Protein backbone atom coordinates (compact mmCIF):
# COMPACT_ATOMS: atom_id res chain seq x y z
CA MET A 1 175.14 110.48 26.88
CA SER A 2 178.41 108.88 27.95
CA GLY A 3 181.10 111.48 28.91
CA ASN A 4 184.92 111.45 29.86
CA ALA A 5 186.32 108.81 32.80
CA LYS A 6 185.92 109.90 36.10
CA GLY A 7 188.72 110.26 38.54
CA ALA A 8 191.06 112.70 40.25
CA GLU A 9 193.05 113.48 37.10
CA THR A 10 190.08 114.37 35.20
CA THR A 11 188.64 116.46 37.99
CA GLU A 12 191.86 118.41 38.07
CA ASP A 13 191.88 119.02 34.58
CA ILE A 14 188.23 120.39 34.50
CA ASN A 15 189.44 122.78 37.47
CA LYS A 16 192.45 124.13 35.43
CA ALA A 17 190.32 124.58 32.31
CA PHE A 18 187.54 126.37 34.43
CA ASN A 19 190.04 128.65 35.92
CA ALA A 20 191.95 129.38 32.56
CA TYR A 21 188.28 130.06 31.28
CA LYS A 22 187.42 132.44 34.16
CA ARG A 23 190.60 134.57 33.40
CA LYS A 24 189.91 134.64 29.73
CA ILE A 25 186.27 136.00 30.45
CA TYR A 26 187.66 138.70 32.97
CA ARG A 27 190.39 139.73 30.50
CA ALA A 28 187.40 140.14 27.74
CA LEU A 29 185.07 142.16 30.20
CA LYS A 30 188.03 144.70 30.61
CA ASP A 31 188.77 145.02 27.11
CA ASP A 32 187.56 148.39 25.75
CA PHE A 33 188.04 147.50 21.92
CA LEU A 34 186.07 144.56 22.49
CA LYS A 35 183.25 146.52 24.28
CA THR A 36 183.05 149.15 21.53
CA ALA A 37 182.93 146.74 18.69
CA LEU A 38 180.25 144.61 20.25
CA GLU A 39 178.04 147.67 21.32
CA ARG A 40 178.23 148.82 17.65
CA ALA A 41 177.58 145.20 16.33
CA VAL A 42 174.55 144.52 18.37
CA SER A 43 172.97 147.84 17.83
CA SER A 44 173.23 147.48 13.98
CA PHE A 45 172.19 143.87 13.99
CA ARG A 46 168.99 144.32 15.74
CA LYS A 47 167.90 147.16 13.61
CA ASN A 48 168.79 145.24 10.43
CA ARG A 49 166.89 142.01 11.73
CA ASP A 50 163.77 144.04 12.89
CA ALA A 51 163.63 145.60 9.32
CA ALA A 52 163.79 142.33 7.74
CA LEU A 53 161.19 140.84 9.83
CA ALA A 54 158.80 143.76 9.40
CA ALA A 55 159.25 143.75 5.76
CA PHE A 56 158.42 140.11 5.23
CA PRO A 57 155.96 139.22 8.13
CA GLU A 58 155.05 136.02 6.40
CA VAL A 59 158.53 134.68 7.59
CA GLU A 60 156.68 133.75 10.75
CA GLY A 61 154.56 131.12 9.01
CA LYS A 62 157.39 130.07 6.81
CA ARG A 63 159.48 129.34 10.06
CA GLU A 64 156.78 126.94 11.42
CA ARG A 65 156.82 124.92 8.26
CA LEU A 66 160.61 124.86 8.17
CA LEU A 67 160.68 123.34 11.74
CA GLU A 68 158.51 120.53 10.51
CA ILE A 69 161.02 119.99 7.73
CA LYS A 70 164.11 119.99 9.73
CA ASP A 71 162.83 117.69 12.44
CA GLU A 72 161.71 115.20 9.74
CA VAL A 73 165.40 115.16 8.24
CA ILE A 74 166.85 115.06 11.96
CA CYS A 75 164.93 111.78 12.61
CA ASN A 76 166.14 110.34 9.24
CA LEU A 77 169.32 111.56 8.78
CA ALA A 78 171.08 108.46 7.40
CA ASP A 79 168.63 108.11 4.64
CA TYR A 80 168.75 111.61 3.59
CA VAL A 81 172.59 111.53 3.54
CA ALA A 82 172.51 108.35 1.16
CA ARG A 83 170.02 110.00 -1.10
CA ALA A 84 172.11 113.28 -1.37
CA ARG A 85 175.22 111.09 -2.05
CA GLU A 86 173.40 109.40 -4.94
CA ALA A 87 172.25 112.45 -6.49
CA LEU A 88 175.63 113.93 -6.33
CA GLU A 89 177.47 110.96 -7.69
CA ARG A 90 174.83 110.95 -10.35
CA ASN A 91 175.85 114.59 -11.46
CA HIS A 92 179.71 113.53 -11.60
CA ALA A 93 180.69 114.57 -8.16
CA LYS A 94 182.65 112.54 -5.74
CA THR A 95 181.24 112.02 -2.17
CA TYR A 96 182.63 110.87 1.25
CA TYR A 97 181.27 109.98 4.41
CA ALA A 98 183.41 111.17 7.60
CA SER A 99 182.55 109.55 10.90
CA ASP A 100 184.54 112.31 12.79
CA ALA A 101 187.06 115.08 12.39
CA SER A 102 190.06 112.82 12.00
CA ALA A 103 188.29 110.85 9.38
CA ALA A 104 187.42 114.03 7.56
CA ASN A 105 191.03 115.25 7.67
CA GLU A 106 192.43 111.84 6.26
CA ILE A 107 190.00 112.39 3.35
CA LEU A 108 191.02 115.87 3.02
CA ALA A 109 194.79 115.02 3.02
CA ASP A 110 194.34 112.39 0.28
CA ILE A 111 192.04 114.85 -1.89
CA ILE A 112 194.38 117.86 -1.54
CA GLY A 113 197.65 116.59 -1.02
CA THR A 114 200.61 119.02 -0.17
CA GLY A 115 202.06 122.02 -1.72
CA LYS A 116 198.66 123.50 -2.77
CA THR A 117 197.27 126.95 -2.35
CA ILE A 118 193.63 126.99 -0.97
CA VAL A 119 191.08 129.78 -1.13
CA LYS A 120 188.48 129.33 1.67
CA ALA A 121 185.01 130.51 2.15
CA LYS A 122 183.57 130.94 5.71
CA SER A 123 182.98 127.87 7.32
CA ILE A 124 182.26 127.25 10.84
CA THR A 125 182.08 123.42 10.21
CA SER A 126 185.77 123.59 9.26
CA GLU A 127 186.55 124.68 12.78
CA GLU A 128 185.67 121.30 13.99
CA LEU A 129 188.39 120.09 11.68
CA GLU A 130 190.86 122.86 12.59
CA PHE A 131 191.10 122.88 8.67
CA ASN A 132 193.46 125.73 8.54
CA SER A 133 196.23 124.39 10.86
CA MET A 134 195.75 120.76 9.58
CA MET A 135 196.38 121.99 5.85
CA GLU A 136 199.27 124.20 6.79
CA GLU A 137 201.00 121.21 8.62
CA THR A 138 200.83 119.27 5.55
CA GLY A 139 202.49 121.93 3.61
CA ASN A 140 199.61 123.82 2.08
CA LEU A 141 198.77 127.47 1.99
CA VAL A 142 195.20 128.66 3.17
CA TRP A 143 193.88 132.06 2.33
CA GLU A 144 190.44 132.98 4.15
CA THR A 145 188.53 135.00 1.70
CA ASP A 146 185.62 136.34 3.92
CA LEU A 147 186.51 139.74 5.04
CA GLY A 148 185.77 138.64 8.65
CA GLU A 149 187.74 135.50 8.46
CA PHE A 150 190.62 137.21 6.72
CA ILE A 151 190.87 139.74 9.60
CA ILE A 152 190.80 136.90 11.98
CA GLN A 153 193.44 135.10 10.20
CA LEU A 154 195.78 137.95 9.99
CA LEU A 155 195.35 138.55 13.84
CA GLY A 156 196.07 134.97 14.55
CA GLU A 157 192.70 134.61 16.58
CA LYS A 158 189.52 132.49 16.20
CA PRO A 159 186.30 133.43 15.07
CA MET A 160 183.95 135.09 17.56
CA HIS A 161 180.64 134.93 15.75
CA ILE A 162 178.97 132.36 13.61
CA LEU A 163 178.20 134.89 11.03
CA ALA A 164 180.51 137.78 11.92
CA PRO A 165 183.73 136.29 13.03
CA ALA A 166 185.33 139.58 13.45
CA VAL A 167 182.48 141.07 15.33
CA HIS A 168 184.79 141.80 18.26
CA VAL A 169 187.24 143.63 16.15
CA PRO A 170 186.84 147.58 15.98
CA ARG A 171 187.77 149.33 12.65
CA GLU A 172 190.87 150.88 14.60
CA ARG A 173 192.43 147.48 15.18
CA THR A 174 191.48 146.28 11.59
CA ALA A 175 193.39 149.34 10.12
CA LYS A 176 196.35 148.63 12.29
CA VAL A 177 196.73 144.79 10.99
CA PHE A 178 196.02 145.79 7.47
CA SER A 179 198.81 148.48 7.64
CA GLU A 180 201.25 145.77 8.72
CA VAL A 181 200.35 143.67 5.58
CA ALA A 182 200.23 146.85 3.24
CA GLY A 183 203.41 148.29 4.46
CA ARG A 184 201.57 151.47 4.64
CA GLU A 185 199.34 153.32 6.92
CA MET A 186 195.77 152.57 6.37
CA PRO A 187 192.79 154.70 7.48
CA THR A 188 190.05 153.42 9.85
CA ASP A 189 187.71 153.93 7.07
CA PRO A 190 185.59 150.75 6.65
CA GLU A 191 185.13 151.25 2.82
CA LYS A 192 188.89 151.55 2.36
CA LEU A 193 189.87 148.72 4.39
CA THR A 194 187.45 146.59 2.32
CA MET A 195 188.93 147.63 -0.75
CA PHE A 196 192.39 146.89 0.39
CA ALA A 197 191.10 143.32 1.03
CA ARG A 198 189.46 143.28 -2.19
CA GLU A 199 192.82 144.11 -3.94
CA PHE A 200 194.85 141.81 -1.94
CA LEU A 201 192.82 138.70 -2.38
CA ARG A 202 191.83 139.31 -5.88
CA ASP A 203 194.62 137.11 -7.57
CA LYS A 204 194.52 134.44 -4.84
CA TYR A 205 191.40 132.93 -6.42
CA PHE A 206 192.98 132.46 -9.89
CA SER A 207 196.22 131.19 -8.62
CA ALA A 208 194.81 128.68 -6.21
CA ASP A 209 194.78 125.03 -6.68
CA VAL A 210 191.65 124.13 -4.50
CA GLY A 211 188.57 126.13 -3.22
CA PHE A 212 187.00 125.12 -0.02
CA SER A 213 183.75 125.79 1.56
CA GLY A 214 180.80 124.54 3.73
CA ALA A 215 177.27 124.94 2.69
CA ASN A 216 174.08 126.61 4.45
CA PHE A 217 171.95 123.66 2.95
CA ILE A 218 172.18 120.58 0.81
CA THR A 219 169.27 118.97 -0.88
CA ALA A 220 168.56 115.11 -0.75
CA ASP A 221 166.65 115.20 -4.21
CA THR A 222 169.45 116.63 -6.45
CA GLY A 223 172.64 117.10 -4.29
CA THR A 224 172.38 120.75 -4.56
CA MET A 225 174.56 122.84 -2.19
CA PHE A 226 173.13 126.33 -1.32
CA LEU A 227 175.93 128.91 -0.35
CA ILE A 228 174.55 132.24 0.99
CA GLU A 229 176.57 135.33 1.05
CA ASN A 230 176.88 139.09 0.42
CA GLU A 231 180.64 139.68 -0.39
CA GLY A 232 181.07 137.52 -3.71
CA ASN A 233 183.83 135.67 -2.24
CA ILE A 234 182.23 132.45 -2.40
CA ARG A 235 181.57 132.49 -6.02
CA PHE A 236 185.26 132.98 -6.80
CA ALA A 237 186.55 130.48 -4.26
CA THR A 238 184.11 127.63 -5.57
CA ASN A 239 184.32 128.67 -9.23
CA ALA A 240 187.95 129.86 -10.01
CA PRO A 241 190.22 126.81 -8.74
CA GLU A 242 190.34 123.53 -10.58
CA VAL A 243 189.15 121.72 -7.66
CA HIS A 244 186.27 122.38 -5.23
CA VAL A 245 186.10 120.60 -1.96
CA ALA A 246 183.19 120.88 0.49
CA VAL A 247 182.57 119.77 4.19
CA ILE A 248 179.13 119.73 5.17
CA GLY A 249 177.57 118.80 8.38
CA LEU A 250 174.73 116.42 8.30
CA GLU A 251 172.26 118.67 9.75
CA LYS A 252 172.64 120.74 6.71
CA LEU A 253 170.38 118.45 4.65
CA MET A 254 167.05 119.29 3.25
CA PRO A 255 164.68 117.16 1.29
CA SER A 256 164.11 119.21 -1.80
CA LEU A 257 165.22 122.30 -3.72
CA SER A 258 161.91 124.17 -2.57
CA ASP A 259 162.44 123.00 0.97
CA ALA A 260 165.98 124.61 0.74
CA MET A 261 164.51 127.72 -0.70
CA LEU A 262 162.24 128.04 2.24
CA GLY A 263 165.12 127.74 4.51
CA LEU A 264 166.99 130.17 2.56
CA GLU A 265 164.15 132.93 2.98
CA VAL A 266 164.07 132.19 6.89
CA LEU A 267 167.71 132.14 7.50
CA MET A 268 168.11 135.61 5.56
CA ARG A 269 165.68 137.55 7.59
CA TYR A 270 166.42 136.31 10.82
CA ALA A 271 170.30 137.10 9.95
CA GLY A 272 169.30 140.58 9.35
CA TYR A 273 169.09 140.73 5.59
CA LEU A 274 166.11 141.91 3.39
CA VAL A 275 167.91 139.51 0.88
CA THR A 276 171.58 138.57 0.56
CA SER A 277 173.46 139.61 -2.47
CA TYR A 278 174.32 136.08 -3.68
CA VAL A 279 173.09 132.57 -3.44
CA SER A 280 175.10 129.91 -5.24
CA MET A 281 173.43 126.57 -6.12
CA ILE A 282 176.21 123.92 -6.82
CA SER A 283 175.21 120.40 -8.00
CA GLY A 284 178.38 119.13 -9.59
CA PRO A 285 181.53 120.14 -11.28
CA ALA A 286 181.29 122.48 -14.22
CA LYS A 287 180.04 120.90 -17.58
CA THR A 288 178.70 121.58 -20.93
CA GLY A 289 176.65 119.72 -23.71
CA ASP A 290 177.19 122.42 -26.43
CA ILE A 291 179.05 120.19 -28.91
CA GLU A 292 176.37 117.81 -30.09
CA LYS A 293 174.95 117.53 -26.73
CA ILE A 294 177.59 115.24 -25.34
CA THR A 295 178.45 116.01 -21.78
CA VAL A 296 182.03 117.15 -21.14
CA TYR A 297 182.90 117.89 -17.52
CA GLY A 298 185.19 120.78 -16.62
CA ALA A 299 184.24 123.74 -18.87
CA HIS A 300 184.85 126.98 -17.20
CA GLY A 301 184.63 126.21 -13.52
CA PRO A 302 186.09 123.37 -11.30
CA ARG A 303 186.89 119.98 -12.98
CA GLU A 304 186.35 118.30 -9.74
CA LEU A 305 183.75 118.44 -6.87
CA HIS A 306 184.25 116.62 -3.69
CA VAL A 307 181.72 116.65 -1.04
CA ILE A 308 182.49 115.32 2.58
CA PHE A 309 179.39 114.57 4.55
CA LEU A 310 180.46 114.99 8.46
CA ASP A 311 178.89 113.20 11.39
CA ASN A 312 181.20 113.94 14.17
CA GLY A 313 178.55 113.34 16.84
CA ARG A 314 175.69 114.47 14.79
CA LEU A 315 173.96 110.97 14.44
CA LYS A 316 174.24 110.36 18.23
CA ALA A 317 172.73 113.76 19.03
CA ALA A 318 169.70 113.07 16.65
CA ARG A 319 169.05 109.99 18.68
CA ASP A 320 168.80 111.86 21.87
CA PRO A 321 165.09 113.29 22.39
CA ASP A 322 166.55 116.28 24.01
CA TYR A 323 169.87 117.08 22.25
CA ARG A 324 168.41 116.47 18.86
CA GLU A 325 166.65 119.97 19.02
CA MET A 326 170.34 121.66 18.53
CA LEU A 327 170.76 120.22 14.99
CA ARG A 328 167.67 122.52 13.88
CA CYS A 329 170.22 125.38 14.17
CA LEU A 330 170.33 127.73 10.76
CA ARG A 331 173.50 129.33 11.97
CA CYS A 332 171.76 132.92 11.71
CA GLY A 333 173.35 134.15 14.85
CA ALA A 334 170.41 136.03 16.14
CA CYS A 335 170.51 134.37 19.43
CA MET A 336 174.06 135.70 20.28
CA TYR A 337 172.80 139.46 19.82
CA GLU A 338 169.92 138.93 22.22
CA CYS A 339 171.92 137.09 24.79
CA ALA A 340 172.48 138.61 28.22
CA ILE A 341 176.09 137.13 28.28
CA TYR A 342 177.44 136.88 24.75
CA PRO A 343 177.64 140.70 24.03
CA LEU A 344 179.73 141.06 27.04
CA VAL A 345 182.32 138.71 26.03
CA SER A 346 181.87 137.66 22.36
CA GLY A 347 183.20 134.37 21.28
CA HIS A 348 185.58 134.01 24.27
CA TRP A 349 182.48 132.20 25.77
CA GLY A 350 182.93 129.22 23.54
CA TYR A 351 185.29 126.69 21.94
CA HIS A 352 184.78 126.29 18.29
CA TYR A 353 181.04 127.15 18.50
CA MET A 354 180.20 130.11 20.73
CA GLY A 355 177.41 131.50 22.80
CA GLY A 356 174.41 129.83 24.39
CA ILE A 357 173.83 127.48 21.44
CA GLY A 358 177.52 126.68 21.21
CA VAL A 359 177.56 124.83 24.66
CA PRO A 360 175.74 121.65 23.57
CA TRP A 361 177.59 121.91 20.32
CA THR A 362 180.85 121.87 22.13
CA ALA A 363 179.78 119.03 24.36
CA LEU A 364 178.51 116.69 21.73
CA ILE A 365 180.20 117.77 18.39
CA SER A 366 183.34 119.75 18.70
CA GLY A 367 185.18 119.33 22.04
CA GLY A 368 183.37 116.86 24.41
CA LEU A 369 182.31 117.28 27.97
CA THR A 370 185.76 118.37 29.11
CA LYS A 371 185.59 121.37 26.98
CA ALA A 372 182.10 122.29 27.44
CA ALA A 373 182.29 121.96 31.39
CA PRO A 374 183.70 125.43 32.02
CA LEU A 375 181.00 126.82 29.25
CA ALA A 376 177.89 125.38 30.66
CA TYR A 377 177.83 127.46 33.74
CA SER A 378 178.20 131.05 32.00
CA CYS A 379 174.65 130.70 30.66
CA ALA A 380 171.78 132.96 32.58
CA LEU A 381 169.08 130.54 31.54
CA CYS A 382 166.99 133.60 30.60
CA GLY A 383 165.53 132.04 27.52
CA ARG A 384 165.94 135.10 25.63
CA CYS A 385 167.64 132.96 22.71
CA LYS A 386 164.60 130.95 22.19
CA GLU A 387 162.38 134.03 21.76
CA ILE A 388 164.40 135.05 18.47
CA CYS A 389 165.47 131.55 17.31
CA PRO A 390 163.93 130.84 13.91
CA ALA A 391 164.22 127.18 14.78
CA GLY A 392 162.77 127.51 18.24
CA ILE A 393 165.76 125.95 19.91
CA ASP A 394 165.78 126.31 23.78
CA SER A 395 169.39 126.42 24.49
CA ALA A 396 168.79 127.10 28.29
CA LYS A 397 166.84 123.80 28.25
CA LEU A 398 169.88 122.12 26.57
CA ILE A 399 172.36 123.57 28.86
CA GLU A 400 170.19 122.42 31.92
CA ARG A 401 170.54 118.89 30.67
CA LEU A 402 174.14 119.19 30.03
CA ARG A 403 174.56 120.39 33.50
CA ARG A 404 172.97 117.25 34.85
CA ASP A 405 175.12 115.16 32.58
CA LEU A 406 178.20 116.86 33.90
CA LYS A 407 177.10 116.08 37.36
CA ARG A 408 176.64 112.56 36.80
CA GLU A 409 180.02 112.23 35.15
CA GLY A 410 181.75 114.05 38.05
CA LEU A 411 182.78 116.84 35.76
CA VAL A 412 181.17 119.88 37.66
CA PRO A 413 184.27 122.57 38.23
CA GLY A 414 185.12 122.51 41.80
CA PHE A 415 184.32 126.58 42.18
CA ILE A 416 180.81 125.83 40.58
CA ARG A 417 180.13 122.77 43.02
CA LYS A 418 181.05 124.79 45.98
CA MET A 419 178.94 127.61 45.06
CA ALA A 420 176.12 125.27 44.59
CA GLU A 421 176.59 123.46 47.99
CA ALA A 422 176.82 127.06 49.72
CA VAL A 423 173.42 127.92 48.15
CA ILE A 424 171.68 124.79 49.27
CA ASN A 425 173.36 124.90 52.83
CA THR A 426 173.06 128.70 53.52
CA GLY A 427 171.20 130.25 51.01
CA THR A 428 173.91 132.35 49.40
CA PRO A 429 176.57 131.28 47.00
CA TYR A 430 179.44 132.74 49.14
CA PRO A 431 180.48 131.20 52.46
CA LYS A 432 179.36 133.15 55.55
CA GLU A 433 181.83 134.81 57.49
CA ASP A 434 182.59 133.41 61.01
């Protein structure tokens, strides 16, 4: 894996980044709001996940079959992309291939233009593009419609979990920011806070010009996107506006509808759900054939569907015998709740992707070695994440590999390097007193 250029300037940048990261982590450790929110979330998630796995014990066998399917796709990504694009275009969708985030943003700017209102489904892939900022810079208005993402947007913060972006925000802080938007005192009751968000966002779907989403899976045989949710916002965001735009990472590809259904079952249970409330399957723009069986596009739903397949380092990762494993990730988030580190600091341990699995994703996909260097040394290498991961990803092994790459590129933070040298020379990470 090629990395950043060596040199004094790069070393200085790494050290500055590491020191800034340490300060952020220490602040997070002292944040009582954060501690309260994470304690509640971890406890709730573990109970829900254990109940889901106990109710559907056959999911273990399905998980093993899913790994075989995912590995087959990862080894043949380019072929599956071509097949999915062909299937989508047969069904009147427009498809694009973006080699990196910059290319994806150029495509998006061309499709969406300026002066538009966009309603957005939760999408961690969009964080790679810094989609919201990019759209606002080009004169567009973006509304996050997932409740957690909506809270984060109002707070001006970043998501702190793949599935639960506002996991670090307790109800008291949510009530405070909602009160500012509502212009009245809001209670700390989660139900009343949720109803306020429902009321506030309801008309945004129908006045929006564009709906934006990612996808949990997309099939090569039919080009069908699977979007899994509980809130119902994705159905509004992808169905009400005239135009639906989706940006999908190449690792989301599955060979067939039946394979995606298998992935759906595994993802739901490891994410802590007996079943999710909604699964949308979208294969093209709205159409009808009710008048003399002549197909007309743009019936009640979107007139246009644009699907961008995003590489941004995924093909390179797929060619690496170690790193390719990270592309199996289903985004269930289970590893973070079992991690020894994540529940202490949430997504402050991360860049766009967070937690242990987020470290190699930062290095190869969404940030580079310089951004990943400070993160790589937070992991305890305990391996608990692998035990609960439905895709069997050994994040600790990937982080060990990344640490070797960082050492080879001369990008080990000075503080870490000195501690390692002290351990080798004295048996302790701290210098001995004279």
